[in-house]
Amino acid sequence: VKKTALYEQHKLLNANFGQMYDGWSLVSHYNDSVQEHLA
């Protein structure tokens, strides 16, 4: 049972990291676009 709970926590952590990474990618892409526009 403990192993399953750990696995679920790990899955949740991965999902949160994935969302964070997507957000970071979006911001990074936006910054690149702004830089190109200003260049």
N, C-alpha and C. Protein backbone atom coordinates (compact mmCIF):
# COMPACT_ATOMS: atom_id res chain seq x y z
N VAL A 1 0.85 -1.21 0.00
CA VAL A 1 0.00 0.00 0.00
C VAL A 1 0.87 1.25 0.00
N LYS A 2 1.92 1.23 0.79
CA LYS A 2 2.82 2.38 0.86
C LYS A 2 3.47 2.65 -0.50
N LYS A 3 3.83 1.55 -1.18
CA LYS A 3 4.47 1.66 -2.48
C LYS A 3 3.53 2.35 -3.48
N THR A 4 2.25 1.98 -3.43
CA THR A 4 1.26 2.57 -4.33
C THR A 4 1.10 4.06 -4.06
N ALA A 5 1.07 4.42 -2.77
CA ALA A 5 0.91 5.82 -2.39
C ALA A 5 2.10 6.64 -2.89
N LEU A 6 3.28 6.07 -2.76
CA LEU A 6 4.49 6.74 -3.23
C LEU A 6 4.43 6.94 -4.74
N TYR A 7 3.96 5.89 -5.42
CA TYR A 7 3.84 5.96 -6.87
C TYR A 7 2.87 7.06 -7.28
N GLU A 8 1.75 7.15 -6.58
CA GLU A 8 0.75 8.18 -6.88
C GLU A 8 1.34 9.57 -6.66
N GLN A 9 2.09 9.73 -5.57
CA GLN A 9 2.73 11.01 -5.28
C GLN A 9 3.70 11.38 -6.39
N HIS A 10 4.46 10.39 -6.83
CA HIS A 10 5.45 10.60 -7.88
C HIS A 10 4.78 11.03 -9.17
N LYS A 11 3.64 10.38 -9.48
CA LYS A 11 2.88 10.71 -10.67
C LYS A 11 2.39 12.16 -10.60
N LEU A 12 1.89 12.54 -9.43
CA LEU A 12 1.38 13.88 -9.22
C LEU A 12 2.50 14.91 -9.39
N LEU A 13 3.65 14.59 -8.83
CA LEU A 13 4.81 15.47 -8.91
C LEU A 13 5.21 15.67 -10.37
N ASN A 14 5.23 14.57 -11.12
CA ASN A 14 5.57 14.64 -12.54
C ASN A 14 4.58 15.51 -13.30
N ALA A 15 3.29 15.37 -12.97
CA ALA A 15 2.27 16.15 -13.64
C ALA A 15 2.46 17.64 -13.35
N ASN A 16 2.74 17.96 -12.10
CA ASN A 16 2.97 19.36 -11.72
C ASN A 16 4.20 19.91 -12.42
N PHE A 17 5.25 19.10 -12.49
CA PHE A 17 6.48 19.54 -13.15
C PHE A 17 6.22 19.77 -14.63
N GLY A 18 5.40 18.89 -15.22
CA GLY A 18 5.06 19.04 -16.63
C GLY A 18 4.35 20.35 -16.90
N GLN A 19 3.42 20.70 -16.03
CA GLN A 19 2.69 21.97 -16.18
C GLN A 19 3.65 23.15 -16.03
N MET A 20 4.52 23.05 -15.03
CA MET A 20 5.49 24.11 -14.79
C MET A 20 6.39 24.28 -16.01
N TYR A 21 6.83 23.15 -16.57
CA TYR A 21 7.72 23.19 -17.73
C TYR A 21 7.01 23.80 -18.93
N ASP A 22 5.73 23.44 -19.12
CA ASP A 22 4.95 24.00 -20.23
C ASP A 22 4.85 25.51 -20.08
N GLY A 23 4.59 25.96 -18.85
CA GLY A 23 4.48 27.40 -18.59
C GLY A 23 5.80 28.10 -18.87
N TRP A 24 6.89 27.47 -18.45
CA TRP A 24 8.21 28.06 -18.64
C TRP A 24 8.54 28.13 -20.13
N SER A 25 8.19 27.08 -20.87
CA SER A 25 8.43 27.05 -22.32
C SER A 25 7.67 28.17 -23.01
N LEU A 26 6.43 28.37 -22.57
CA LEU A 26 5.58 29.41 -23.15
C LEU A 26 6.20 30.79 -22.91
N VAL A 27 6.63 31.03 -21.68
CA VAL A 27 7.24 32.32 -21.33
C VAL A 27 8.54 32.51 -22.11
N SER A 28 9.33 31.44 -22.20
CA SER A 28 10.59 31.49 -22.92
C SER A 28 10.35 31.83 -24.39
N HIS A 29 9.35 31.19 -24.99
CA HIS A 29 9.01 31.42 -26.38
C HIS A 29 8.54 32.86 -26.59
N TYR A 30 7.75 33.35 -25.63
CA TYR A 30 7.24 34.71 -25.71
C TYR A 30 8.39 35.71 -25.64
N ASN A 31 9.34 35.45 -24.73
CA ASN A 31 10.50 36.33 -24.59
C ASN A 31 11.31 36.36 -25.88
N ASP A 32 11.48 35.18 -26.51
CA ASP A 32 12.22 35.12 -27.77
C ASP A 32 11.51 35.96 -28.84
N SER A 33 10.19 35.88 -28.89
CA SER A 33 9.42 36.63 -29.87
C SER A 33 9.59 38.13 -29.65
N VAL A 34 9.56 38.54 -28.39
CA VAL A 34 9.72 39.96 -28.06
C VAL A 34 11.11 40.43 -28.46
N GLN A 35 12.11 39.63 -28.15
CA GLN A 35 13.49 39.99 -28.50
C GLN A 35 13.63 40.17 -30.01
N GLU A 36 13.05 39.24 -30.78
CA GLU A 36 13.13 39.32 -32.23
C GLU A 36 12.41 40.57 -32.73
N HIS A 37 11.29 40.89 -32.11
CA HIS A 37 10.51 42.04 -32.51
C HIS A 37 11.28 43.34 -32.24
N LEU A 38 12.00 43.38 -31.13
CA LEU A 38 12.75 44.56 -30.75
C LEU A 38 14.05 44.69 -31.53
N ALA A 39 14.57 43.57 -32.01
CA ALA A 39 15.86 43.58 -32.69
C ALA A 39 15.81 44.38 -34.00
